Structures are given as C-alpha cells and as structure tokens.
C-alpha cells in the first residue's frame, strides 16, 4: 500500500488532468508517486468517453475546470495527452487555462512521447516516456527553487529556447506505487454542469491493471511499441513483468476500497506466459483475490497448459488480435501469424472452455477484396463459439 514519507508536505500544488478516461492508469500512477514523495496533488477526471465518442468540451465544463484549479490554488497543471486524438482538446484547454490563470502547463503521455517537437510548441514542459520516478525529480527541483532544465525525460521551453533531455532509465514494476484509492478529497470528476468530489472509478465493477509493461512482440506496425521500444535501447528491459506477490498485494489493497469489483481485466499488451510465474499466479490469485479475470493474448504465445492453469485460477475470457489475413499481417503489419495458427488457438480456447474475443482490423487501406475474402473464409473455419470485434485502422502522426 501507499505510505506517505515522514518528510514535510511540499509547498508546490500540482493538478494532473485525465482527458476522457476515468481509469487513466498514467495519471493515477503519477499521482501516487507524487503523493508518496509528499507533494500536494489534485486529480481531475475531465469528462469520460462513451462508445468511442469524445465530444468537444462545453463552455460550462471549461469554466468548471478553471474554477476548480483556482479554488485548489494549483501551481502547475499537468495534462495527460494519451493519443493524438486528444491533441486538439488538450491544446484548447491549455490555452484556456493559461489565459484565465497564467499557470505553467506540463504535458505527458503517448502523444508528447511520439511528437515532442509539436507538443513543446503548446506546453511549457513535456514529459517523454515513462516518468514514474523522473516526475518526482522534476517537481522536487521545482519545489526547492532549482532549475528543471536538466531533468531527465523532460523538455523545458523558455522563450524561444527548448532544453531537451535524454530519457531516464526504465523502472522495475515492483518499484512503482499502487494506484491510490484511499485519497478521496483530492479527486474530482467534471462532466456536464457538475463537479463531483471523490474518485469516479471506485464504484466501477471492472478493475483494470497491468501485470507487465511493454511487449515481447514489439514489431506490429500499428502498435505504439514500435516507437517506444527503440527510445529505450540501453536504458533497461522494455518488457517487464511484475512479481505475482506485488500484483496480488495491489488487489488485496484495492478490494478494501473498491467494493463493487466483479471482474479484473488485465490490460497488458500480452499477459505474461512464463511457467514459473503462471504457477505462482495460479496458486496465489484464487486463494487471496478470488475474482474472475480476463487477459489479452497474442497467437504466438497461446499455450494449452498455461491457459488451463489460468482457467483454474479464475480466467473467464481472453482477447486476441487476428487483425488480418496472412499477406496483410506479414507484409504491412510485420506480424508473422498464419491463418492456421489462428485456427489452432481457437481450438485451444474451446478446449479450455473460455470465451474468446477475437479482434480484426477490417477497415484498412491495404486489404484487397481477395484478402478480405480469405479472412472471411478463415473465420468460417473457426470452432464456435467466439465473439468478433471489428475495428477501423486510424493512422496517427
């Protein structure tokens, strides 16, 4: 659990803002790290997404955000810009907050990591990559009146000059504090005309978490790992797995506060399939957590023995990307997975007795009618039952 250090509370008051996501793990981990370092942190969940719909902020919502920042006497505002889809909204809110309150603005997330030159033109500071520890360094310097120009993983804009720093090393997952669910007075949800105090995610029946970061199969061209993994060459293992004990302890902590959890969803790129880890997980999860769970798998790591052990521990569903047929997967997505392998995986899912949610990128500029026809006939060969999710390919910068 989170234990506040005995050091006196820092004077700098920080707001971290999640755009259109109540479960935003990035914001939650950053807030926990800063609170553990004795900073005063306000978490603001600005609107939620519903069915992939991200409506433009209403004027009342913007005014409520500005009023809340003023009321909380915030010194620095951090926006989580998770993807390029949120760039225009983040830019608009940055300009409104800056004009109304004159506060310095920090951006973090995947979009600044991928497009730092574009983002530093808008924000005063940007955080690049994983900054669970680096963000403490940044604000410790800030709080003590030191310059932040040379903080690893941060870019700093002063006038026309931008100070660009190299990335800090990756951290091990067991060194990252749990997301904080016991601090309720410093969390707010802005939606429509209302500002609600308290954690808006604490009553969610689905609890999401990560057992790992990164991906052992990082070459899929539609995935962010093709950008993030090269950034960290020489700075630590890009694919890291949490210890089972650390993961179970998080759920023991969360269950005390999130009383409505009905299922746990692991949002790993691929759920860890390592024999010793699976054996320990299959022993500790049902004994100490006892909740059903769902995982994401890659066709290259589907294993009957591992899935049977996970099923006995409470696994109720898997989500697996098919994406396209052999040709498109190989030539365009750099994903060497054959149609036959997909058929074999579905046989295993049915044999184990778990629900399979299969994903396809159906609307893309690469697939010909012949490709889609081949994919369709492969789907017709799959053993029933399964659920099918169809996606369109959206190209970000």
Protein backbone atom coordinates (compact mmCIF):
# COMPACT_ATOMS: atom_id res chain seq x y z
CA UNK A 1 0.00 0.00 0.00
CA UNK A 2 0.96 3.65 -0.27
CA UNK A 3 2.80 5.01 2.76
CA UNK A 4 3.45 8.74 2.93
CA UNK A 5 7.00 9.61 3.81
CA UNK A 6 7.68 11.39 7.10
CA UNK A 7 9.10 14.39 5.26
CA UNK A 8 7.04 17.61 5.48
CA UNK A 9 4.43 18.22 2.79
CA UNK A 10 5.90 20.04 -0.20
CA UNK A 11 4.59 23.52 -0.94
CA UNK A 12 4.01 23.05 -4.68
CA UNK A 13 0.40 22.16 -5.51
CA UNK A 14 0.06 20.03 -8.62
CA UNK A 15 -3.01 19.16 -10.70
CA UNK A 16 -2.93 16.14 -13.01
CA UNK A 17 -5.78 16.02 -15.51
CA UNK A 18 -7.09 12.97 -17.34
CA UNK A 19 -8.94 13.70 -20.57
CA UNK A 20 -11.95 11.48 -21.29
CA UNK A 21 -10.83 8.49 -19.17
CA UNK A 22 -11.83 7.71 -15.60
CA UNK A 23 -9.47 4.71 -15.36
CA UNK A 24 -6.39 6.57 -16.71
CA UNK A 25 -3.55 4.50 -15.26
CA UNK A 26 -0.89 7.01 -16.26
CA UNK A 27 -2.48 9.81 -14.23
CA UNK A 28 -3.15 7.51 -11.29
CA UNK A 29 0.41 6.18 -11.09
CA UNK A 30 1.91 9.67 -11.41
CA UNK A 31 -0.40 10.98 -8.68
CA UNK A 32 0.56 8.08 -6.38
CA UNK A 33 4.28 8.62 -6.98
CA UNK A 34 3.99 12.33 -6.21
CA UNK A 35 1.88 11.79 -3.10
CA UNK A 36 4.38 9.23 -1.83
CA UNK A 37 7.03 11.96 -2.23
CA UNK A 38 4.85 14.29 -0.06
CA UNK A 39 3.50 16.52 -2.84
CA UNK A 40 0.01 18.00 -2.77
CA UNK A 41 -1.78 16.51 -5.77
CA UNK A 42 -5.24 17.11 -7.19
CA UNK A 43 -6.52 14.52 -9.70
CA UNK A 44 -9.10 15.83 -12.16
CA UNK A 45 -11.00 13.50 -14.47
CA UNK A 46 -12.25 15.78 -17.22
CA UNK A 47 -15.16 14.02 -18.93
CA UNK A 48 -15.44 10.33 -19.78
CA UNK A 49 -15.59 8.53 -23.10
CA UNK A 50 -18.69 6.60 -24.08
CA UNK A 51 -18.69 4.25 -27.08
CA UNK A 52 -15.55 5.87 -28.53
CA UNK A 53 -17.29 9.24 -28.55
CA UNK A 54 -15.22 12.26 -27.46
CA UNK A 55 -17.49 15.33 -27.66
CA UNK A 56 -15.86 18.74 -27.60
CA UNK A 57 -15.80 20.32 -24.10
CA UNK A 58 -18.76 22.51 -23.25
CA UNK A 59 -18.13 26.04 -22.04
CA UNK A 60 -19.57 25.18 -18.63
CA UNK A 61 -17.10 22.29 -18.31
CA UNK A 62 -14.17 24.54 -19.18
CA UNK A 63 -15.32 27.15 -16.66
CA UNK A 64 -15.70 24.45 -14.00
CA UNK A 65 -12.15 23.26 -14.68
CA UNK A 66 -10.74 26.77 -14.37
CA UNK A 67 -12.73 27.44 -11.19
CA UNK A 68 -11.56 24.18 -9.61
CA UNK A 69 -7.90 24.91 -10.39
CA UNK A 70 -8.29 28.36 -8.87
CA UNK A 71 -10.10 27.05 -5.79
CA UNK A 72 -7.41 24.42 -5.20
CA UNK A 73 -4.70 27.11 -5.56
CA UNK A 74 -2.84 24.99 -8.12
CA UNK A 75 0.73 25.97 -9.04
CA UNK A 76 1.36 23.63 -12.01
CA UNK A 77 -1.14 21.90 -14.32
CA UNK A 78 -0.35 18.58 -15.98
CA UNK A 79 -2.42 17.21 -18.86
CA UNK A 80 -2.36 13.53 -19.84
CA UNK A 81 -2.42 13.51 -23.65
CA UNK A 82 -2.75 9.79 -24.23
CA UNK A 83 -3.01 9.80 -28.01
CA UNK A 84 -3.07 12.13 -30.99
CA UNK A 85 -6.87 12.01 -30.88
CA UNK A 86 -6.74 14.25 -27.79
CA UNK A 87 -4.26 16.81 -29.15
CA UNK A 88 -6.79 19.45 -30.20
CA UNK A 89 -8.71 19.21 -26.93
CA UNK A 90 -5.52 19.39 -24.85
CA UNK A 91 -4.32 22.41 -26.84
CA UNK A 92 -7.66 24.18 -26.40
CA UNK A 93 -7.79 23.53 -22.65
CA UNK A 94 -4.14 24.55 -22.25
CA UNK A 95 -4.84 27.88 -23.92
CA UNK A 96 -7.97 28.48 -21.84
CA UNK A 97 -6.25 27.65 -18.52
CA UNK A 98 -3.19 29.70 -19.41
CA UNK A 99 -5.30 32.71 -20.41
CA UNK A 100 -7.51 32.53 -17.30
CA UNK A 101 -4.93 31.67 -14.63
CA UNK A 102 -1.46 32.14 -16.15
CA UNK A 103 -0.32 28.77 -14.83
CA UNK A 104 2.60 26.75 -16.27
CA UNK A 105 1.43 23.72 -18.24
CA UNK A 106 3.03 20.25 -18.43
CA UNK A 107 2.01 17.62 -20.98
CA UNK A 108 2.73 13.91 -20.63
CA UNK A 109 1.57 10.72 -22.30
CA UNK A 110 1.97 8.89 -25.58
CA UNK A 111 1.36 11.87 -27.85
CA UNK A 112 4.17 14.04 -26.40
CA UNK A 113 6.41 10.97 -26.43
CA UNK A 114 5.80 10.46 -30.15
CA UNK A 115 5.53 14.12 -31.22
CA UNK A 116 7.68 16.16 -28.80
CA UNK A 117 8.55 18.93 -31.26
CA UNK A 118 4.87 19.60 -31.92
CA UNK A 119 3.83 19.43 -28.27
CA UNK A 120 6.53 21.68 -26.82
CA UNK A 121 5.20 24.47 -29.04
CA UNK A 122 2.00 24.35 -26.94
CA UNK A 123 3.04 23.26 -23.44
CA UNK A 124 5.72 24.85 -21.26
CA UNK A 125 7.09 21.42 -20.34
CA UNK A 126 6.62 17.92 -21.72
CA UNK A 127 7.32 14.57 -20.10
CA UNK A 128 8.53 11.89 -22.52
CA UNK A 129 8.10 8.17 -21.95
CA UNK A 130 7.65 6.58 -18.54
CA UNK A 131 8.25 9.13 -15.78
CA UNK A 132 7.07 7.34 -12.61
CA UNK A 133 10.34 8.31 -10.88
CA UNK A 134 11.52 11.17 -13.12
CA UNK A 135 8.42 13.23 -12.31
CA UNK A 136 9.46 13.24 -8.64
CA UNK A 137 12.88 14.57 -9.66
CA UNK A 138 11.24 17.29 -11.78
CA UNK A 139 8.92 18.57 -9.04
CA UNK A 140 11.50 18.21 -6.27
CA UNK A 141 13.73 20.59 -8.22
CA UNK A 142 10.75 22.85 -8.85
CA UNK A 143 9.71 22.87 -5.20
CA UNK A 144 13.21 23.74 -3.98
CA UNK A 145 13.59 26.58 -6.48
CA UNK A 146 16.22 24.79 -8.58
CA UNK A 147 16.17 24.83 -12.37
CA UNK A 148 14.30 21.99 -14.07
CA UNK A 149 16.15 22.49 -17.35
CA UNK A 150 18.27 19.37 -16.98
CA UNK A 151 15.68 16.92 -15.62
CA UNK A 152 15.91 13.55 -17.44
CA UNK A 153 12.84 12.65 -19.55
CA UNK A 154 11.64 16.28 -19.67
CA UNK A 155 11.78 19.06 -22.25
CA UNK A 156 11.60 22.64 -20.99
CA UNK A 157 10.66 25.68 -23.10
CA UNK A 158 11.95 29.07 -22.01
CA UNK A 159 11.16 31.78 -24.52
CA UNK A 160 12.49 30.66 -27.89
CA UNK A 161 14.86 28.08 -26.43
CA UNK A 162 13.95 24.45 -25.67
CA UNK A 163 16.06 22.36 -23.30
CA UNK A 164 15.86 18.72 -24.44
CA UNK A 165 16.94 15.99 -22.03
CA UNK A 166 17.60 12.30 -22.57
CA UNK A 167 15.26 9.70 -21.13
CA UNK A 168 15.63 8.42 -17.59
CA UNK A 169 16.13 4.64 -17.27
CA UNK A 170 13.08 2.41 -17.14
CA UNK A 171 11.95 1.36 -13.69
CA UNK A 172 11.00 -2.09 -12.46
CA UNK A 173 7.26 -2.54 -11.99
CA UNK A 174 7.54 -3.58 -8.34
CA UNK A 175 9.12 -0.18 -7.61
CA UNK A 176 6.03 1.71 -8.78
CA UNK A 177 3.50 2.51 -6.03
CA UNK A 178 -0.04 1.22 -6.32
CA UNK A 179 -2.71 3.49 -7.71
CA UNK A 180 -4.27 5.38 -4.82
CA UNK A 181 -7.92 4.70 -3.99
CA UNK A 182 -7.95 5.87 -0.38
CA UNK A 183 -7.43 9.59 -1.12
CA UNK A 184 -10.91 10.85 -2.00
CA UNK A 185 -10.88 14.55 -1.07
CA UNK A 186 -8.30 15.41 -3.75
CA UNK A 187 -10.08 13.78 -6.70
CA UNK A 188 -12.74 15.34 -8.92
CA UNK A 189 -14.83 14.42 -11.94
CA UNK A 190 -16.03 17.18 -14.30
CA UNK A 191 -18.92 16.19 -16.55
CA UNK A 192 -21.64 18.44 -17.97
CA UNK A 193 -22.63 21.05 -15.40
CA UNK A 194 -21.42 19.08 -12.37
CA UNK A 195 -18.14 18.81 -10.47
CA UNK A 196 -18.16 15.70 -8.28
CA UNK A 197 -15.64 15.23 -5.49
CA UNK A 198 -14.24 11.74 -4.95
CA UNK A 199 -12.77 9.02 -7.15
CA UNK A 200 -15.17 8.41 -10.07
CA UNK A 201 -13.70 4.95 -10.75
CA UNK A 202 -14.04 3.49 -7.28
CA UNK A 203 -17.53 2.08 -7.91
CA UNK A 204 -16.65 0.54 -11.29
CA UNK A 205 -17.42 -3.21 -11.38
CA UNK A 206 -14.45 -3.81 -13.71
CA UNK A 207 -10.99 -3.30 -12.21
CA UNK A 208 -8.17 -2.81 -14.71
CA UNK A 209 -4.48 -3.30 -14.07
CA UNK A 210 -1.18 -4.30 -15.66
CA UNK A 211 0.94 -7.35 -14.86
CA UNK A 212 3.62 -6.14 -17.28
CA UNK A 213 4.78 -3.21 -19.37
CA UNK A 214 5.99 -3.35 -22.94
CA UNK A 215 5.66 -6.27 -25.32
CA UNK A 216 7.90 -9.22 -26.25
CA UNK A 217 6.47 -8.99 -29.78
CA UNK A 218 7.06 -5.32 -30.47
CA UNK A 219 7.21 -5.23 -34.29
CA UNK A 220 3.48 -4.86 -35.12
CA UNK A 221 3.44 -1.62 -37.10
CA UNK A 222 0.02 -0.48 -35.86
CA UNK A 223 1.25 -0.56 -32.24
CA UNK A 224 2.93 2.13 -30.13
CA UNK A 225 5.64 -0.31 -29.02
CA UNK A 226 7.36 0.09 -32.39
CA UNK A 227 8.06 3.68 -31.32
CA UNK A 228 8.63 3.33 -27.58
CA UNK A 229 10.95 0.30 -27.60
CA UNK A 230 13.68 1.95 -29.74
CA UNK A 231 13.58 5.03 -27.47
CA UNK A 232 14.75 2.93 -24.53
CA UNK A 233 17.60 0.98 -26.11
CA UNK A 234 20.27 0.67 -23.42
CA UNK A 235 18.02 2.08 -20.68
CA UNK A 236 16.58 -1.15 -19.33
CA UNK A 237 14.40 -4.07 -20.38
CA UNK A 238 11.46 -2.75 -22.37
CA UNK A 239 9.31 -5.77 -21.45
CA UNK A 240 8.99 -6.03 -17.67
CA UNK A 241 6.83 -8.34 -15.58
CA UNK A 242 5.54 -7.59 -12.08
CA UNK A 243 6.08 -10.13 -9.38
CA UNK A 244 2.97 -12.13 -8.57
CA UNK A 245 3.23 -11.08 -4.92
CA UNK A 246 3.23 -7.34 -5.80
CA UNK A 247 0.24 -7.80 -8.09
CA UNK A 248 -1.77 -9.78 -5.52
CA UNK A 249 -1.00 -7.22 -2.83
CA UNK A 250 -2.46 -4.50 -5.07
CA UNK A 251 -5.72 -6.40 -5.37
CA UNK A 252 -5.85 -7.01 -1.63
CA UNK A 253 -5.48 -3.25 -1.17
CA UNK A 254 -7.98 -2.34 -3.91
CA UNK A 255 -10.68 -4.75 -2.71
CA UNK A 256 -10.78 -2.95 0.63
CA UNK A 257 -11.81 0.30 -1.09
CA UNK A 258 -13.35 -0.64 -4.45
CA UNK A 259 -16.28 -2.61 -3.06
CA UNK A 260 -18.09 -3.26 -6.35
CA UNK A 261 -15.38 -5.17 -8.26
CA UNK A 262 -16.94 -8.08 -10.16
CA UNK A 263 -14.15 -8.83 -12.67
CA UNK A 264 -10.50 -7.89 -13.20
CA UNK A 265 -9.25 -7.01 -16.67
CA UNK A 266 -5.53 -7.23 -17.34
CA UNK A 267 -4.62 -4.59 -19.92
CA UNK A 268 -1.15 -5.93 -20.71
CA UNK A 269 -0.10 -5.91 -24.36
CA UNK A 270 0.23 -9.67 -23.79
CA UNK A 271 -0.43 -11.35 -20.46
CA UNK A 272 2.78 -12.91 -19.08
CA UNK A 273 3.11 -16.56 -20.05
CA UNK A 274 6.14 -17.82 -18.16
CA UNK A 275 5.84 -21.19 -16.47
CA UNK A 276 7.15 -20.27 -13.02
CA UNK A 277 5.15 -17.02 -12.98
CA UNK A 278 1.94 -18.78 -14.10
CA UNK A 279 2.40 -21.49 -11.47
CA UNK A 280 2.74 -18.92 -8.69
CA UNK A 281 -0.16 -16.84 -10.03
CA UNK A 282 -2.44 -19.90 -10.25
CA UNK A 283 -1.70 -20.64 -6.59
CA UNK A 284 -1.97 -17.13 -5.09
CA UNK A 285 -4.75 -15.48 -7.16
CA UNK A 286 -7.68 -17.78 -6.20
CA UNK A 287 -6.51 -18.05 -2.58
CA UNK A 288 -6.03 -14.32 -1.92
CA UNK A 289 -8.00 -12.48 -4.62
CA UNK A 290 -10.71 -14.88 -5.77
CA UNK A 291 -12.08 -12.72 -8.60
CA UNK A 292 -12.69 -13.78 -12.21
CA UNK A 293 -10.35 -12.14 -14.70
CA UNK A 294 -9.77 -11.53 -18.40
CA UNK A 295 -6.47 -11.24 -20.29
CA UNK A 296 -5.08 -10.22 -23.67
CA UNK A 297 -3.04 -12.82 -25.55
CA UNK A 298 -1.01 -12.98 -28.74
CA UNK A 299 -1.42 -16.00 -31.06
CA UNK A 300 2.32 -16.67 -30.77
CA UNK A 301 2.09 -17.35 -27.04
CA UNK A 302 -1.20 -19.28 -26.72
CA UNK A 303 -0.42 -22.41 -24.70
CA UNK A 304 -2.85 -25.12 -23.59
CA UNK A 305 -1.13 -25.93 -20.29
CA UNK A 306 -0.81 -22.27 -19.23
CA UNK A 307 -4.42 -21.46 -20.15
CA UNK A 308 -5.71 -24.49 -18.24
CA UNK A 309 -3.87 -23.30 -15.11
CA UNK A 310 -5.24 -19.78 -15.58
CA UNK A 311 -8.74 -21.18 -16.09
CA UNK A 312 -8.50 -23.00 -12.76
CA UNK A 313 -7.41 -19.69 -11.17
CA UNK A 314 -10.46 -17.79 -12.49
CA UNK A 315 -9.77 -16.91 -16.14
CA UNK A 316 -13.10 -16.41 -17.88
CA UNK A 317 -12.18 -14.77 -21.21
CA UNK A 318 -9.28 -13.96 -23.50
CA UNK A 319 -8.97 -11.21 -26.07
CA UNK A 320 -6.77 -11.97 -29.09
CA UNK A 321 -5.95 -9.92 -32.16
CA UNK A 322 -6.26 -11.64 -35.53
CA UNK A 323 -6.00 -8.29 -37.40
CA UNK A 324 -5.88 -9.55 -41.00
CA UNK A 325 -5.05 -12.46 -43.27
CA UNK A 326 -1.56 -13.93 -43.80
CA UNK A 327 -0.46 -11.50 -46.51
CA UNK A 328 -1.53 -8.25 -44.83
CA UNK A 329 -0.28 -9.36 -41.42
CA UNK A 330 3.12 -10.25 -42.83
CA UNK A 331 3.71 -7.52 -45.43
CA UNK A 332 2.13 -4.49 -43.74
CA UNK A 333 1.81 -5.24 -40.02
CA UNK A 334 5.11 -7.18 -39.57
CA UNK A 335 3.11 -9.75 -37.68
CA UNK A 336 4.13 -13.31 -38.64
CA UNK A 337 0.94 -15.14 -37.67
CA UNK A 338 -0.65 -17.60 -40.09
CA UNK A 339 -4.33 -18.33 -40.60
CA UNK A 340 -3.66 -21.90 -39.44
CA UNK A 341 -2.22 -20.64 -36.15
CA UNK A 342 -5.41 -18.64 -35.51
CA UNK A 343 -7.50 -21.77 -36.10
CA UNK A 344 -5.30 -23.72 -33.66
CA UNK A 345 -5.62 -21.01 -30.99
CA UNK A 346 -9.40 -21.03 -31.18
CA UNK A 347 -9.38 -24.81 -30.79
CA UNK A 348 -7.38 -24.37 -27.58
CA UNK A 349 -9.77 -21.70 -26.24
CA UNK A 350 -12.73 -24.01 -26.82
CA UNK A 351 -10.89 -26.96 -25.28
CA UNK A 352 -10.11 -24.94 -22.14
CA UNK A 353 -13.67 -23.59 -22.02
CA UNK A 354 -13.04 -19.84 -22.03
CA UNK A 355 -14.72 -17.09 -24.03
CA UNK A 356 -12.66 -15.81 -26.96
CA UNK A 357 -12.98 -12.18 -28.04
CA UNK A 358 -11.29 -12.01 -31.44
CA UNK A 359 -10.29 -8.67 -32.95
CA UNK A 360 -9.95 -7.73 -36.60
CA UNK A 361 -8.78 -4.55 -38.34
CA UNK A 362 -11.42 -4.77 -41.05
CA UNK A 363 -11.35 -1.26 -42.49
CA UNK A 364 -7.79 -0.59 -43.68
CA UNK A 365 -6.16 0.75 -46.87
CA UNK A 366 -4.09 -2.40 -47.51
CA UNK A 367 -6.53 -5.30 -47.76
CA UNK A 368 -7.86 -6.20 -51.20
CA UNK A 369 -11.20 -7.89 -51.75
CA UNK A 370 -9.25 -11.15 -52.10
CA UNK A 371 -7.59 -10.56 -48.73
CA UNK A 372 -10.91 -9.93 -47.02
CA UNK A 373 -12.46 -12.94 -48.73
CA UNK A 374 -9.64 -15.14 -47.44
CA UNK A 375 -10.02 -13.71 -43.94
CA UNK A 376 -13.78 -14.30 -44.02
CA UNK A 377 -13.37 -17.94 -45.01
CA UNK A 378 -10.79 -18.44 -42.28
CA UNK A 379 -13.28 -17.06 -39.74
CA UNK A 380 -15.86 -19.53 -41.01
CA UNK A 381 -13.46 -22.36 -40.18
CA UNK A 382 -13.07 -21.29 -36.55
CA UNK A 383 -14.66 -23.51 -33.94
CA UNK A 384 -17.65 -21.90 -32.23
CA UNK A 385 -18.37 -20.06 -30.02
CA UNK A 386 -16.42 -16.80 -30.21
CA UNK A 387 -17.11 -13.08 -30.20
CA UNK A 388 -15.85 -10.87 -33.01
CA UNK A 389 -14.78 -7.25 -32.70
CA UNK A 390 -14.27 -5.21 -35.87
CA UNK A 391 -12.06 -2.10 -35.95
CA UNK A 392 -11.06 0.53 -38.44
CA UNK A 393 -7.39 1.48 -38.84
CA UNK A 394 -6.84 5.11 -37.82
CA UNK A 395 -3.42 6.49 -38.74
CA UNK A 396 -1.97 8.86 -36.14
CA UNK A 397 1.14 11.02 -36.77
